Amino acid sequence: MIIAMSLVVAGVMTYLMFSGLDEDFYHFPWKVFAGFGIMSWLVREGLKLVRDVKKEFEE
């Protein structure tokens, strides 16, 4: 979760830094960083769920 939040914050901060510049000059894809953060969180939660279900079936 910490990694996901740090990726989102880094993407948003970089976007805000460069948004004052000419839009055609540089457009930072902060959505990519946010997407990586969200996907890593979803994968981690999915693996936890699979592990819990697996553990329940073993008992």
PDB file of N, CA and C in Angstrom:
ATOM      1  N   MET A   1       0.830  -1.196   0.000  1.00  0.00           N
ATOM      2  CA  MET A   1       0.000   0.000   0.000  1.00  0.00           C
ATOM      3  C   MET A   1       0.869   1.252   0.000  1.00  0.00           C
ATOM      4  N   ILE A   2       1.981   1.185   0.726  1.00  0.00           N
ATOM      5  CA  ILE A   2       2.889   2.333   0.781  1.00  0.00           C
ATOM      6  C   ILE A   2       3.483   2.601  -0.599  1.00  0.00           C
ATOM      7  N   ILE A   3       3.846   1.534  -1.299  1.00  0.00           N
ATOM      8  CA  ILE A   3       4.425   1.691  -2.639  1.00  0.00           C
ATOM      9  C   ILE A   3       3.386   2.290  -3.578  1.00  0.00           C
ATOM     10  N   ALA A   4       2.161   1.819  -3.475  1.00  0.00           N
ATOM     11  CA  ALA A   4       1.099   2.344  -4.336  1.00  0.00           C
ATOM     12  C   ALA A   4       0.890   3.832  -4.092  1.00  0.00           C
ATOM     13  N   MET A   5       0.823   4.218  -2.841  1.00  0.00           N
ATOM     14  CA  MET A   5       0.603   5.629  -2.521  1.00  0.00           C
ATOM     15  C   MET A   5       1.787   6.486  -2.961  1.00  0.00           C
ATOM     16  N   SER A   6       3.009   5.973  -2.783  1.00  0.00           N
ATOM     17  CA  SER A   6       4.176   6.766  -3.169  1.00  0.00           C
ATOM     18  C   SER A   6       4.233   6.950  -4.688  1.00  0.00           C
ATOM     19  N   LEU A   7       3.828   5.925  -5.448  1.00  0.00           N
ATOM     20  CA  LEU A   7       3.795   6.072  -6.907  1.00  0.00           C
ATOM     21  C   LEU A   7       2.758   7.101  -7.329  1.00  0.00           C
ATOM     22  N   VAL A   8       1.603   7.068  -6.693  1.00  0.00           N
ATOM     23  CA  VAL A   8       0.558   8.037  -7.023  1.00  0.00           C
ATOM     24  C   VAL A   8       1.018   9.445  -6.679  1.00  0.00           C
ATOM     25  N   VAL A   9       1.613   9.613  -5.487  1.00  0.00           N
ATOM     26  CA  VAL A   9       2.069  10.938  -5.061  1.00  0.00           C
ATOM     27  C   VAL A   9       3.173  11.445  -5.981  1.00  0.00           C
ATOM     28  N   ALA A  10       4.113  10.568  -6.345  1.00  0.00           N
ATOM     29  CA  ALA A  10       5.202  10.981  -7.235  1.00  0.00           C
ATOM     30  C   ALA A  10       4.654  11.408  -8.594  1.00  0.00           C
ATOM     31  N   GLY A  11       3.704  10.656  -9.109  1.00  0.00           N
ATOM     32  CA  GLY A  11       3.114  11.008 -10.399  1.00  0.00           C
ATOM     33  C   GLY A  11       2.373  12.328 -10.351  1.00  0.00           C
ATOM     34  N   VAL A  12       1.575  12.528  -9.305  1.00  0.00           N
ATOM     35  CA  VAL A  12       0.804  13.768  -9.191  1.00  0.00           C
ATOM     36  C   VAL A  12       1.726  14.958  -8.984  1.00  0.00           C
ATOM     37  N   MET A  13       2.747  14.822  -8.145  1.00  0.00           N
ATOM     38  CA  MET A  13       3.669  15.932  -7.890  1.00  0.00           C
ATOM     39  C   MET A  13       4.417  16.317  -9.163  1.00  0.00           C
ATOM     40  N   THR A  14       4.880  15.326  -9.920  1.00  0.00           N
ATOM     41  CA  THR A  14       5.590  15.624 -11.161  1.00  0.00           C
ATOM     42  C   THR A  14       4.643  16.282 -12.162  1.00  0.00           C
ATOM     43  N   TYR A  15       3.424  15.793 -12.220  1.00  0.00           N
ATOM     44  CA  TYR A  15       2.428  16.403 -13.113  1.00  0.00           C
ATOM     45  C   TYR A  15       2.185  17.860 -12.734  1.00  0.00           C
ATOM     46  N   LEU A  16       2.045  18.126 -11.439  1.00  0.00           N
ATOM     47  CA  LEU A  16       1.793  19.497 -10.996  1.00  0.00           C
ATOM     48  C   LEU A  16       2.991  20.401 -11.269  1.00  0.00           C
ATOM     49  N   MET A  17       4.217  19.857 -11.136  1.00  0.00           N
ATOM     50  CA  MET A  17       5.411  20.659 -11.403  1.00  0.00           C
ATOM     51  C   MET A  17       5.460  21.087 -12.861  1.00  0.00           C
ATOM     52  N   PHE A  18       5.114  20.172 -13.768  1.00  0.00           N
ATOM     53  CA  PHE A  18       5.238  20.461 -15.188  1.00  0.00           C
ATOM     54  C   PHE A  18       3.960  21.015 -15.801  1.00  0.00           C
ATOM     55  N   SER A  19       2.860  21.044 -15.060  1.00  0.00           N
ATOM     56  CA  SER A  19       1.610  21.530 -15.642  1.00  0.00           C
ATOM     57  C   SER A  19       1.649  23.035 -15.879  1.00  0.00           C
ATOM     58  N   GLY A  20       2.513  23.749 -15.176  1.00  0.00           N
ATOM     59  CA  GLY A  20       2.632  25.184 -15.392  1.00  0.00           C
ATOM     60  C   GLY A  20       3.367  25.514 -16.676  1.00  0.00           C
ATOM     61  N   LEU A  21       4.124  24.552 -17.196  1.00  0.00           N
ATOM     62  CA  LEU A  21       4.848  24.765 -18.448  1.00  0.00           C
ATOM     63  C   LEU A  21       3.891  24.643 -19.626  1.00  0.00           C
ATOM     64  N   ASP A  22       4.418  24.926 -20.786  1.00  0.00           N
ATOM     65  CA  ASP A  22       3.617  24.789 -22.000  1.00  0.00           C
ATOM     66  C   ASP A  22       3.184  23.334 -22.154  1.00  0.00           C
ATOM     67  N   GLU A  23       1.902  23.105 -22.348  1.00  0.00           N
ATOM     68  CA  GLU A  23       1.366  21.744 -22.430  1.00  0.00           C
ATOM     69  C   GLU A  23       1.983  20.949 -23.582  1.00  0.00           C
ATOM     70  N   ASP A  24       2.277  21.625 -24.692  1.00  0.00           N
ATOM     71  CA  ASP A  24       2.848  20.924 -25.834  1.00  0.00           C
ATOM     72  C   ASP A  24       4.313  20.573 -25.608  1.00  0.00           C
ATOM     73  N   PHE A  25       4.969  21.297 -24.694  1.00  0.00           N
ATOM     74  CA  PHE A  25       6.395  21.061 -24.450  1.00  0.00           C
ATOM     75  C   PHE A  25       6.620  19.742 -23.731  1.00  0.00           C
ATOM     76  N   TYR A  26       5.886  19.516 -22.660  1.00  0.00           N
ATOM     77  CA  TYR A  26       6.087  18.290 -21.895  1.00  0.00           C
ATOM     78  C   TYR A  26       4.800  17.942 -21.176  1.00  0.00           C
ATOM     79  N   HIS A  27       4.321  16.743 -21.421  1.00  0.00           N
ATOM     80  CA  HIS A  27       3.120  16.276 -20.729  1.00  0.00           C
ATOM     81  C   HIS A  27       3.467  14.967 -20.032  1.00  0.00           C
ATOM     82  N   PHE A  28       3.600  15.022 -18.720  1.00  0.00           N
ATOM     83  CA  PHE A  28       4.020  13.840 -17.963  1.00  0.00           C
ATOM     84  C   PHE A  28       2.848  12.886 -17.788  1.00  0.00           C
ATOM     85  N   PRO A  29       3.042  11.621 -18.122  1.00  0.00           N
ATOM     86  CA  PRO A  29       1.940  10.652 -17.999  1.00  0.00           C
ATOM     87  C   PRO A  29       1.744  10.182 -16.554  1.00  0.00           C
ATOM     88  N   TRP A  30       1.220  11.064 -15.698  1.00  0.00           N
ATOM     89  CA  TRP A  30       1.059  10.704 -14.289  1.00  0.00           C
ATOM     90  C   TRP A  30       0.032   9.600 -14.119  1.00  0.00           C
ATOM     91  N   LYS A  31      -0.856   9.435 -15.108  1.00  0.00           N
ATOM     92  CA  LYS A  31      -1.852   8.364 -15.017  1.00  0.00           C
ATOM     93  C   LYS A  31      -1.180   6.999 -15.044  1.00  0.00           C
ATOM     94  N   VAL A  32      -0.018   6.903 -15.694  1.00  0.00           N
ATOM     95  CA  VAL A  32       0.714   5.639 -15.720  1.00  0.00           C
ATOM     96  C   VAL A  32       1.163   5.276 -14.310  1.00  0.00           C
ATOM     97  N   PHE A  33       1.724   6.245 -13.576  1.00  0.00           N
ATOM     98  CA  PHE A  33       2.149   5.985 -12.209  1.00  0.00           C
ATOM     99  C   PHE A  33       0.966   5.621 -11.320  1.00  0.00           C
ATOM    100  N   ALA A  34      -0.129   6.341 -11.476  1.00  0.00           N
ATOM    101  CA  ALA A  34      -1.318   6.040 -10.682  1.00  0.00           C
ATOM    102  C   ALA A  34      -1.835   4.644 -11.024  1.00  0.00           C
ATOM    103  N   GLY A  35      -1.797   4.296 -12.301  1.00  0.00           N
ATOM    104  CA  GLY A  35      -2.241   2.967 -12.727  1.00  0.00           C
ATOM    105  C   GLY A  35      -1.374   1.870 -12.149  1.00  0.00           C
ATOM    106  N   PHE A  36      -0.045   2.074 -12.144  1.00  0.00           N
ATOM    107  CA  PHE A  36       0.849   1.082 -11.539  1.00  0.00           C
ATOM    108  C   PHE A  36       0.553   0.915 -10.062  1.00  0.00           C
ATOM    109  N   GLY A  37       0.323   2.017  -9.382  1.00  0.00           N
ATOM    110  CA  GLY A  37       0.028   1.945  -7.952  1.00  0.00           C
ATOM    111  C   GLY A  37      -1.251   1.193  -7.675  1.00  0.00           C
ATOM    112  N   ILE A  38      -2.288   1.495  -8.436  1.00  0.00           N
ATOM    113  CA  ILE A  38      -3.570   0.821  -8.232  1.00  0.00           C
ATOM    114  C   ILE A  38      -3.456  -0.657  -8.589  1.00  0.00           C
ATOM    115  N   MET A  39      -2.772  -0.971  -9.688  1.00  0.00           N
ATOM    116  CA  MET A  39      -2.632  -2.371 -10.092  1.00  0.00           C
ATOM    117  C   MET A  39      -1.829  -3.172  -9.075  1.00  0.00           C
ATOM    118  N   SER A  40      -0.761  -2.582  -8.527  1.00  0.00           N
ATOM    119  CA  SER A  40       0.024  -3.316  -7.534  1.00  0.00           C
ATOM    120  C   SER A  40      -0.807  -3.591  -6.291  1.00  0.00           C
ATOM    121  N   TRP A  41      -1.651  -2.631  -5.903  1.00  0.00           N
ATOM    122  CA  TRP A  41      -2.520  -2.836  -4.748  1.00  0.00           C
ATOM    123  C   TRP A  41      -3.534  -3.942  -5.033  1.00  0.00           C
ATOM    124  N   LEU A  42      -4.135  -3.935  -6.234  1.00  0.00           N
ATOM    125  CA  LEU A  42      -5.116  -4.960  -6.591  1.00  0.00           C
ATOM    126  C   LEU A  42      -4.486  -6.347  -6.627  1.00  0.00           C
ATOM    127  N   VAL A  43      -3.284  -6.449  -7.178  1.00  0.00           N
ATOM    128  CA  VAL A  43      -2.601  -7.742  -7.236  1.00  0.00           C
ATOM    129  C   VAL A  43      -2.307  -8.243  -5.831  1.00  0.00           C
ATOM    130  N   ARG A  44      -1.822  -7.354  -4.964  1.00  0.00           N
ATOM    131  CA  ARG A  44      -1.509  -7.746  -3.594  1.00  0.00           C
ATOM    132  C   ARG A  44      -2.759  -8.223  -2.854  1.00  0.00           C
ATOM    133  N   GLU A  45      -3.859  -7.487  -2.995  1.00  0.00           N
ATOM    134  CA  GLU A  45      -5.110  -7.878  -2.330  1.00  0.00           C
ATOM    135  C   GLU A  45      -5.647  -9.186  -2.911  1.00  0.00           C
ATOM    136  N   GLY A  46      -5.515  -9.365  -4.211  1.00  0.00           N
ATOM    137  CA  GLY A  46      -5.953 -10.613  -4.839  1.00  0.00           C
ATOM    138  C   GLY A  46      -5.163 -11.805  -4.338  1.00  0.00           C
ATOM    139  N   LEU A  47      -3.849 -11.641  -4.189  1.00  0.00           N
ATOM    140  CA  LEU A  47      -3.025 -12.730  -3.673  1.00  0.00           C
ATOM    141  C   LEU A  47      -3.381 -13.058  -2.229  1.00  0.00           C
ATOM    142  N   LYS A  48      -3.682 -12.040  -1.424  1.00  0.00           N
ATOM    143  CA  LYS A  48      -4.117 -12.291  -0.043  1.00  0.00           C
ATOM    144  C   LYS A  48      -5.409 -13.093  -0.028  1.00  0.00           C
ATOM    145  N   LEU A  49      -6.339 -12.729  -0.895  1.00  0.00           N
ATOM    146  CA  LEU A  49      -7.622 -13.423  -0.960  1.00  0.00           C
ATOM    147  C   LEU A  49      -7.428 -14.879  -1.370  1.00  0.00           C
ATOM    148  N   VAL A  50      -6.595 -15.116  -2.382  1.00  0.00           N
ATOM    149  CA  VAL A  50      -6.326 -16.483  -2.838  1.00  0.00           C
ATOM    150  C   VAL A  50      -5.682 -17.289  -1.721  1.00  0.00           C
ATOM    151  N   ARG A  51      -4.742 -16.681  -1.003  1.00  0.00           N
ATOM    152  CA  ARG A  51      -4.067 -17.369   0.092  1.00  0.00           C
ATOM    153  C   ARG A  51      -5.053 -17.739   1.198  1.00  0.00           C
ATOM    154  N   ASP A  52      -5.954 -16.821   1.532  1.00  0.00           N
ATOM    155  CA  ASP A  52      -6.944 -17.097   2.576  1.00  0.00           C
ATOM    156  C   ASP A  52      -7.906 -18.205   2.160  1.00  0.00           C
ATOM    157  N   VAL A  53      -8.350 -18.189   0.912  1.00  0.00           N
ATOM    158  CA  VAL A  53      -9.257 -19.230   0.431  1.00  0.00           C
ATOM    159  C   VAL A  53      -8.549 -20.573   0.415  1.00  0.00           C
ATOM    160  N   LYS A  54      -7.298 -20.583  -0.010  1.00  0.00           N
ATOM    161  CA  LYS A  54      -6.516 -21.818  -0.049  1.00  0.00           C
ATOM    162  C   LYS A  54      -6.355 -22.393   1.355  1.00  0.00           C
ATOM    163  N   LYS A  55      -6.069 -21.513   2.317  1.00  0.00           N
ATOM    164  CA  LYS A  55      -5.901 -21.931   3.700  1.00  0.00           C
ATOM    165  C   LYS A  55      -7.198 -22.519   4.253  1.00  0.00           C
ATOM    166  N   GLU A  56      -8.318 -21.917   3.886  1.00  0.00           N
ATOM    167  CA  GLU A  56      -9.615 -22.387   4.372  1.00  0.00           C
ATOM    168  C   GLU A  56      -9.945 -23.768   3.811  1.00  0.00           C
ATOM    169  N   PHE A  57      -9.586 -24.022   2.554  1.00  0.00           N
ATOM    170  CA  PHE A  57      -9.857 -25.331   1.969  1.00  0.00           C
ATOM    171  C   PHE A  57      -8.953 -26.411   2.543  1.00  0.00           C
ATOM    172  N   GLU A  58      -7.755 -26.050   2.989  1.00  0.00           N
ATOM    173  CA  GLU A  58      -6.832 -27.031   3.560  1.00  0.00           C
ATOM    174  C   GLU A  58      -7.286 -27.510   4.930  1.00  0.00           C
ATOM    175  N   GLU A  59      -8.037 -26.685   5.638  1.00  0.00           N
ATOM    176  CA  GLU A  59      -8.454 -27.055   6.997  1.00  0.00           C
ATOM    177  C   GLU A  59      -9.565 -28.056   7.014  1.00  0.00           C
TER     178      GLU A  59
END
